[in-house]
Amino acid sequence: MTANVPRVGSRDQTVKWFDKTVTVPPQARDLLENYSRVSAEDVENHVIALRDKAWEVWPYPCLGQFRFLELNLAGRADLYPRLVARLRGGDRFLDVGCCLGQDIRKLVHDGVPGENLVGAELNGGFIDLGYELFRDRDTLGARFVTADILDGEGAWRGFEGQMDVVQLGMILHLFSWDEQVKVFEHAIRVLKSDTKGAAIIGQATGNVDGLPGPSWDKSTFRHNAATFTKLIDEVSAKTGTEWDVKASLDEGLSIFDGKRTWDDPKTRRLLFEIEKR
């Protein structure tokens, strides 16, 4: 019986996490209408058409539920104004797991020079669709690369010591504890080594208990604030660096909407910010 139940990774559009209609949030609508110049009456159809193309590239549940429209980075009132000020002042930003590049477009719309921004995505198909969604291939000014954060080679070598802020956007929960250590080691390598206040920020699916668990076809780890702090302690010891750590759980990502059938009642969203001492 269960063998025929669609799993994450299926392109079946009848799964609970594939929404047929969309309500575009005000910030995303503003971005699409006033940055991308999509007409107001065409916004919904434009978004759905691009989401459907992205689903065929790889059917992430966050795409099925239009999570890229939530502009979660801009929603972090404790962090976003500080970040925008830094980047307007010339600091450089690397968005790892940038998906369609929505956070980068929002930063540009809010006055950040595109040349200060880089997006990295495992699948280059999402980069191309980002240009199509936001209609800015010839005007954006930001750079995108196809790269695997676990590899740490290729494009990552070219970024060593170049960045002031790295975002790990909705990727940490895809990895095991040991892989997460490696992710942070590689992120630290691209930060400017002599800059106090260099930062790594992000969000991920977390858990009240902070525990390992199956995800798709591998073992992963979902953090609470305490286990995340422990992870960074291990990263600090391995890299010889010291960090001020902020981490918290909330109920973002529509955790309790009943569509993400692999969640449990203790699933939460993890928000984090670590800053170099």
Protein backbone atom coordinates (compact mmCIF):
# COMPACT_ATOMS: atom_id res chain seq x y z
CA MET A 1 0.00 0.00 0.00
CA THR A 2 2.63 2.56 1.02
CA ALA A 3 4.84 1.76 -1.97
CA ASN A 4 2.61 3.92 -4.20
CA VAL A 5 2.49 6.94 -1.88
CA PRO A 6 4.37 9.84 -3.52
CA ARG A 7 7.57 10.78 -1.69
CA VAL A 8 9.66 13.92 -1.66
CA GLY A 9 11.52 13.89 -4.97
CA SER A 10 8.43 12.87 -6.92
CA ARG A 11 7.28 15.26 -9.64
CA ASP A 12 3.71 14.10 -9.07
CA GLN A 13 1.61 17.27 -8.89
CA THR A 14 -1.06 15.62 -6.73
CA VAL A 15 1.18 15.60 -3.64
CA LYS A 16 -0.02 17.71 -0.72
CA TRP A 17 2.96 20.05 -0.99
CA PHE A 18 2.18 21.12 -4.57
CA ASP A 19 -0.20 24.07 -4.45
CA LYS A 20 -2.29 24.66 -7.56
CA THR A 21 -3.04 28.31 -6.77
CA VAL A 22 -1.01 31.07 -5.19
CA THR A 23 -1.57 34.12 -3.02
CA VAL A 24 1.36 36.42 -3.69
CA PRO A 25 2.50 38.20 -0.50
CA PRO A 26 2.71 42.02 -0.64
CA GLN A 27 6.53 42.21 -0.61
CA ALA A 28 6.83 39.68 -3.42
CA ARG A 29 4.12 41.44 -5.41
CA ASP A 30 5.96 44.74 -5.02
CA LEU A 31 9.17 43.08 -6.20
CA LEU A 32 7.54 41.53 -9.25
CA GLU A 33 5.54 44.61 -10.23
CA ASN A 34 8.04 47.37 -9.48
CA TYR A 35 11.39 45.61 -9.97
CA SER A 36 10.56 43.01 -12.63
CA ARG A 37 7.82 45.08 -14.26
CA VAL A 38 5.31 42.25 -14.39
CA SER A 39 1.85 43.73 -14.84
CA ALA A 40 -0.41 43.41 -11.80
CA GLU A 41 -2.93 41.24 -13.62
CA ASP A 42 -0.21 38.84 -14.81
CA VAL A 43 1.64 38.29 -11.52
CA GLU A 44 -0.13 35.11 -10.41
CA ASN A 45 0.03 33.40 -13.80
CA HIS A 46 3.68 34.40 -14.22
CA VAL A 47 4.60 32.98 -10.81
CA ILE A 48 2.71 29.72 -11.35
CA ALA A 49 4.25 29.18 -14.79
CA LEU A 50 7.78 29.69 -13.46
CA ARG A 51 7.13 27.53 -10.40
CA ASP A 52 5.92 24.71 -12.64
CA LYS A 53 9.14 24.92 -14.66
CA ALA A 54 11.20 24.92 -11.46
CA TRP A 55 9.30 21.84 -10.22
CA GLU A 56 10.51 19.96 -13.29
CA VAL A 57 14.12 20.96 -12.57
CA TRP A 58 13.83 19.45 -9.09
CA PRO A 59 10.57 19.10 -7.09
CA TYR A 60 11.57 20.62 -3.76
CA PRO A 61 8.56 20.97 -1.42
CA CYS A 62 9.44 24.63 -0.89
CA LEU A 63 8.89 25.18 -4.62
CA GLY A 64 5.63 23.27 -4.55
CA GLN A 65 4.39 25.63 -1.85
CA PHE A 66 5.81 28.84 -3.42
CA ARG A 67 8.11 29.44 -0.45
CA PHE A 68 10.40 31.56 -2.65
CA LEU A 69 7.72 34.27 -2.52
CA GLU A 70 8.03 34.65 1.24
CA LEU A 71 11.32 36.59 1.02
CA ASN A 72 12.32 35.25 4.40
CA LEU A 73 15.60 37.17 4.59
CA ALA A 74 13.79 40.49 4.26
CA GLY A 75 11.35 39.29 6.92
CA ARG A 76 14.08 39.12 9.56
CA ALA A 77 13.51 42.51 11.15
CA ASP A 78 16.35 41.96 13.62
CA LEU A 79 18.87 41.41 10.84
CA TYR A 80 17.79 42.70 7.43
CA PRO A 81 18.23 46.47 7.95
CA ARG A 82 21.76 45.89 9.28
CA LEU A 83 22.56 43.64 6.32
CA VAL A 84 21.28 46.14 3.76
CA ALA A 85 23.35 48.91 5.36
CA ARG A 86 26.48 46.75 5.24
CA LEU A 87 26.00 45.77 1.62
CA ARG A 88 25.17 49.31 0.51
CA GLY A 89 28.45 50.30 2.14
CA GLY A 90 30.46 47.88 0.00
CA ASP A 91 30.43 44.59 1.93
CA ARG A 92 30.03 41.44 -0.18
CA PHE A 93 27.33 38.79 0.22
CA LEU A 94 27.24 35.14 -0.88
CA ASP A 95 23.84 33.41 -0.92
CA VAL A 96 24.39 29.63 -0.79
CA GLY A 97 21.39 27.62 -1.97
CA CYS A 98 19.95 30.75 -3.55
CA CYS A 99 17.20 28.85 -5.41
CA LEU A 100 15.66 31.37 -7.83
CA GLY A 101 17.75 34.21 -6.42
CA GLN A 102 14.79 35.92 -4.76
CA ASP A 103 16.75 37.29 -1.80
CA ILE A 104 19.36 38.78 -4.11
CA ARG A 105 16.66 40.51 -6.17
CA LYS A 106 15.05 41.90 -3.01
CA LEU A 107 18.42 43.27 -1.86
CA VAL A 108 18.95 44.98 -5.22
CA HIS A 109 15.41 46.37 -5.12
CA ASP A 110 16.25 47.79 -1.68
CA GLY A 111 19.28 49.64 -2.97
CA VAL A 112 22.18 47.19 -2.74
CA PRO A 113 24.55 47.28 -5.75
CA GLY A 114 24.29 44.03 -7.67
CA GLU A 115 28.06 43.75 -7.98
CA ASN A 116 28.28 43.16 -4.21
CA LEU A 117 26.13 40.02 -4.46
CA VAL A 118 26.84 36.42 -5.48
CA GLY A 119 24.40 33.51 -5.57
CA ALA A 120 25.45 29.86 -5.52
CA GLU A 121 23.08 27.06 -6.46
CA LEU A 122 23.62 23.34 -6.92
CA ASN A 123 21.39 23.19 -10.00
CA GLY A 124 22.01 25.79 -12.67
CA GLY A 125 18.47 25.37 -13.96
CA PHE A 126 17.20 27.40 -11.01
CA ILE A 127 19.60 30.22 -11.84
CA ASP A 128 18.25 30.45 -15.40
CA LEU A 129 14.65 30.36 -14.16
CA GLY A 130 15.45 33.14 -11.70
CA TYR A 131 16.37 35.39 -14.60
CA GLU A 132 13.11 34.43 -16.29
CA LEU A 133 11.04 35.02 -13.15
CA PHE A 134 12.54 38.43 -12.43
CA ARG A 135 13.22 39.52 -16.04
CA ASP A 136 16.65 40.97 -15.24
CA ARG A 137 19.28 38.94 -17.06
CA ASP A 138 20.82 42.06 -18.62
CA THR A 139 20.34 44.45 -15.70
CA LEU A 140 20.86 42.64 -12.38
CA GLY A 141 24.63 42.97 -12.04
CA ALA A 142 24.94 40.14 -9.51
CA ARG A 143 26.91 36.99 -10.25
CA PHE A 144 25.60 33.41 -10.03
CA VAL A 145 27.60 30.19 -9.97
CA THR A 146 26.73 26.52 -9.99
CA ALA A 147 28.50 24.94 -7.04
CA ASP A 148 28.19 22.28 -4.34
CA ILE A 149 28.86 23.58 -0.82
CA LEU A 150 29.95 20.10 0.31
CA ASP A 151 32.64 19.98 -2.35
CA GLY A 152 34.50 23.11 -1.31
CA GLU A 153 36.43 23.18 -4.59
CA GLY A 154 35.87 24.85 -7.94
CA ALA A 155 34.01 28.12 -7.50
CA TRP A 156 34.53 28.05 -3.74
CA ARG A 157 38.30 28.35 -4.17
CA GLY A 158 37.78 31.53 -6.16
CA PHE A 159 35.75 33.04 -3.34
CA GLU A 160 38.23 32.36 -0.53
CA GLY A 161 38.64 35.40 1.70
CA GLN A 162 36.31 37.49 -0.47
CA MET A 163 33.01 37.68 1.42
CA ASP A 164 31.71 39.59 4.44
CA VAL A 165 28.41 37.75 4.88
CA VAL A 166 27.37 34.25 3.80
CA GLN A 167 23.77 33.08 3.84
CA LEU A 168 22.95 29.37 4.11
CA GLY A 169 19.38 29.50 2.89
CA MET A 170 17.18 26.51 3.72
CA ILE A 171 19.89 23.92 3.15
CA LEU A 172 21.31 22.95 6.53
CA HIS A 173 18.58 20.40 7.31
CA LEU A 174 19.48 18.50 4.14
CA PHE A 175 22.76 17.35 5.70
CA SER A 176 24.04 15.10 8.46
CA TRP A 177 25.86 16.58 11.46
CA ASP A 178 29.28 15.84 9.94
CA GLU A 179 28.22 17.34 6.62
CA GLN A 180 26.96 20.44 8.41
CA VAL A 181 30.38 20.87 10.01
CA LYS A 182 31.88 20.71 6.53
CA VAL A 183 29.35 23.25 5.22
CA PHE A 184 30.37 25.76 7.88
CA GLU A 185 34.07 25.07 7.33
CA HIS A 186 33.66 25.87 3.64
CA ALA A 187 31.55 28.95 4.40
CA ILE A 188 34.19 30.24 6.81
CA ARG A 189 36.87 29.82 4.14
CA VAL A 190 35.16 32.31 1.84
CA LEU A 191 34.81 34.96 4.56
CA LYS A 192 37.43 37.68 4.88
CA SER A 193 39.82 36.26 7.45
CA ASP A 194 40.81 39.62 8.94
CA THR A 195 37.31 41.06 9.32
CA LYS A 196 35.73 41.17 12.75
CA GLY A 197 31.97 40.97 12.29
CA ALA A 198 32.07 38.68 9.27
CA ALA A 199 28.88 36.66 9.53
CA ILE A 200 27.07 33.50 8.48
CA ILE A 201 23.28 33.71 8.57
CA GLY A 202 20.46 31.42 7.55
CA GLN A 203 17.40 29.40 8.30
CA ALA A 204 16.54 25.72 8.15
CA THR A 205 13.96 23.22 9.24
CA GLY A 206 14.59 22.56 12.93
CA ASN A 207 13.13 20.49 15.75
CA VAL A 208 12.27 21.29 19.36
CA ASP A 209 14.34 18.31 20.52
CA GLY A 210 17.30 18.82 18.16
CA LEU A 211 17.84 15.37 16.73
CA PRO A 212 18.91 13.29 13.75
CA GLY A 213 16.29 11.85 11.49
CA PRO A 214 15.67 10.47 8.01
CA SER A 215 15.19 12.93 5.17
CA TRP A 216 14.49 11.55 1.72
CA ASP A 217 17.14 8.85 1.34
CA LYS A 218 19.72 9.87 3.95
CA SER A 219 20.22 10.72 7.61
CA THR A 220 20.13 14.43 8.47
CA PHE A 221 20.10 16.60 11.60
CA ARG A 222 17.47 19.16 12.59
CA HIS A 223 18.57 21.56 15.30
CA ASN A 224 17.24 23.46 18.24
CA ALA A 225 19.21 26.42 19.61
CA ALA A 226 21.29 24.24 21.95
CA THR A 227 22.36 21.67 19.36
CA PHE A 228 23.11 24.41 16.83
CA THR A 229 25.37 26.12 19.36
CA LYS A 230 27.11 22.80 19.97
CA LEU A 231 27.63 22.42 16.21
CA ILE A 232 29.26 25.84 16.01
CA ASP A 233 31.47 24.99 18.99
CA GLU A 234 32.76 22.02 17.01
CA VAL A 235 33.25 24.17 13.91
CA SER A 236 35.13 26.74 16.00
CA ALA A 237 37.49 24.10 17.36
CA LYS A 238 38.19 22.74 13.87
CA THR A 239 38.77 26.13 12.26
CA GLY A 240 40.45 28.01 15.10
CA THR A 241 37.79 30.73 14.94
CA GLU A 242 35.46 32.22 17.56
CA TRP A 243 31.85 33.20 17.02
CA ASP A 244 28.98 34.95 18.73
CA VAL A 245 25.99 32.70 18.14
CA LYS A 246 22.32 33.62 17.89
CA ALA A 247 19.84 30.81 17.22
CA SER A 248 16.12 30.41 17.82
CA LEU A 249 13.11 28.38 16.74
CA ASP A 250 9.80 29.74 15.51
CA GLU A 251 6.74 28.51 13.63
CA GLY A 252 7.63 29.93 10.23
CA LEU A 253 7.51 27.99 6.94
CA SER A 254 3.83 27.08 7.55
CA ILE A 255 5.05 24.24 9.73
CA PHE A 256 1.57 23.26 10.87
CA ASP A 257 -0.36 23.44 7.60
CA GLY A 258 -0.57 19.63 7.37
CA LYS A 259 0.86 19.48 3.87
CA ARG A 260 4.40 18.43 4.72
CA THR A 261 3.61 14.89 5.68
CA TRP A 262 7.12 14.13 6.95
CA ASP A 263 6.95 16.80 9.68
CA ASP A 264 6.04 16.01 13.28
CA PRO A 265 4.50 18.23 16.00
CA LYS A 266 7.96 19.27 17.15
CA THR A 267 9.10 20.56 13.76
CA ARG A 268 9.98 24.26 13.78
CA ARG A 269 11.97 26.77 11.76
CA LEU A 270 15.54 27.42 12.91
CA LEU A 271 16.89 30.96 12.45
CA PHE A 272 20.57 31.58 13.04
CA GLU A 273 23.25 34.25 12.86
CA ILE A 274 26.88 33.75 13.82
CA GLU A 275 29.29 36.68 13.86
CA LYS A 276 33.05 36.48 14.01
CA ARG A 277 34.71 37.88 17.13
